[in-house]
Amino acid sequence: MHTPMECGPSTELQTVVSRVPRRSVPTGSTLALSAAIVKWQADSTALFGRLVEQSQALRGGAAASEQTDQQSAAAINAAADQTAVVDLGL
């Protein structure tokens, strides 16, 4: 499974910083951009983890719902088999 941090923060940071023209961006701005990228990566990793956890919970809920439906259908069929047919004479 892939994660947002797969390339590593230093690789992505180097890529972003290398694309910024050195003469046009002050050092402080580059550092601010670097900090923002690190925060973004941490936030993305946390959100991705929550997304995976929630998808697993939804799959578990769907499986339980399917099992309940199957059990209910079996109970209805069993009750129908035990019920006598009533001739109403219509």
Protein backbone atom coordinates (compact mmCIF):
# COMPACT_ATOMS: atom_id res chain seq x y z
CA MET A 1 0.00 0.00 0.00
CA HIS A 2 1.30 3.45 -0.86
CA THR A 3 1.51 6.24 1.67
CA PRO A 4 1.87 10.00 1.16
CA MET A 5 5.33 9.86 2.76
CA GLU A 6 6.63 7.19 0.37
CA CYS A 7 9.26 9.45 -1.21
CA GLY A 8 10.33 10.81 2.16
CA PRO A 9 10.06 14.41 3.22
CA SER A 10 13.64 15.33 2.33
CA THR A 11 13.31 14.09 -1.26
CA GLU A 12 10.06 15.98 -1.87
CA LEU A 13 11.37 19.05 -0.09
CA GLN A 14 14.54 19.04 -2.20
CA THR A 15 12.41 18.70 -5.33
CA VAL A 16 10.21 21.66 -4.41
CA VAL A 17 13.08 23.85 -3.27
CA SER A 18 15.12 23.01 -6.38
CA ARG A 19 12.29 24.29 -8.59
CA VAL A 20 12.21 27.69 -6.91
CA PRO A 21 14.53 30.20 -8.57
CA ARG A 22 17.21 30.96 -5.98
CA ARG A 23 17.62 34.65 -6.80
CA SER A 24 13.92 35.48 -6.60
CA VAL A 25 13.04 33.91 -3.23
CA PRO A 26 14.50 35.12 0.06
CA THR A 27 15.95 32.49 2.39
CA GLY A 28 13.20 33.13 4.95
CA SER A 29 10.55 32.36 2.36
CA THR A 30 12.30 29.14 1.41
CA LEU A 31 12.39 28.10 5.05
CA ALA A 32 8.71 28.98 5.48
CA LEU A 33 7.89 26.94 2.39
CA SER A 34 9.94 24.05 3.76
CA ALA A 35 8.07 24.16 7.07
CA ALA A 36 4.72 24.29 5.27
CA ILE A 37 5.66 21.25 3.18
CA VAL A 38 6.69 19.26 6.25
CA LYS A 39 3.38 20.15 7.98
CA TRP A 40 1.43 19.27 4.84
CA GLN A 41 3.14 15.88 4.65
CA ALA A 42 2.42 15.14 8.32
CA ASP A 43 -1.22 16.19 7.93
CA SER A 44 -1.57 14.11 4.76
CA THR A 45 -0.13 11.06 6.48
CA ALA A 46 -2.53 11.44 9.42
CA LEU A 47 -5.54 11.93 7.14
CA PHE A 48 -4.56 8.97 4.98
CA GLY A 49 -4.31 6.79 8.10
CA ARG A 50 -7.77 7.88 9.24
CA LEU A 51 -9.17 7.19 5.77
CA VAL A 52 -7.77 3.64 5.83
CA GLU A 53 -9.17 3.02 9.33
CA GLN A 54 -12.61 4.30 8.34
CA SER A 55 -12.69 2.20 5.16
CA GLN A 56 -11.87 -0.90 7.20
CA ALA A 57 -14.66 -0.07 9.65
CA LEU A 58 -17.12 0.43 6.78
CA ARG A 59 -16.15 -2.92 5.26
CA GLY A 60 -16.66 -4.61 8.62
CA GLY A 61 -20.08 -2.97 8.95
CA ALA A 62 -21.07 -4.06 5.45
CA ALA A 63 -20.05 -7.65 6.18
CA ALA A 64 -22.06 -7.67 9.43
CA SER A 65 -25.08 -6.20 7.63
CA GLU A 66 -24.88 -8.86 4.92
CA GLN A 67 -24.67 -11.62 7.52
CA THR A 68 -27.70 -10.21 9.38
CA ASP A 69 -29.69 -10.05 6.13
CA GLN A 70 -28.84 -13.67 5.34
CA GLN A 71 -29.84 -14.81 8.84
CA SER A 72 -33.10 -12.84 8.63
CA ALA A 73 -33.92 -14.35 5.24
CA ALA A 74 -33.30 -17.84 6.59
CA ALA A 75 -35.55 -17.15 9.61
CA ILE A 76 -38.35 -15.85 7.36
CA ASN A 77 -38.07 -18.90 5.08
CA ALA A 78 -38.16 -21.23 8.09
CA ALA A 79 -41.27 -19.50 9.44
CA ALA A 80 -42.92 -19.67 6.03
CA ASP A 81 -42.21 -23.41 5.83
CA GLN A 82 -43.93 -23.97 9.19
CA THR A 83 -47.01 -21.93 8.34
CA ALA A 84 -50.01 -23.85 7.07
CA VAL A 85 -51.65 -22.66 3.90
CA VAL A 86 -55.08 -21.30 4.71
CA ASP A 87 -57.70 -21.75 2.04
CA LEU A 88 -59.95 -18.75 2.21
CA GLY A 89 -62.26 -20.15 -0.43
CA LEU A 90 -61.96 -17.18 -2.69
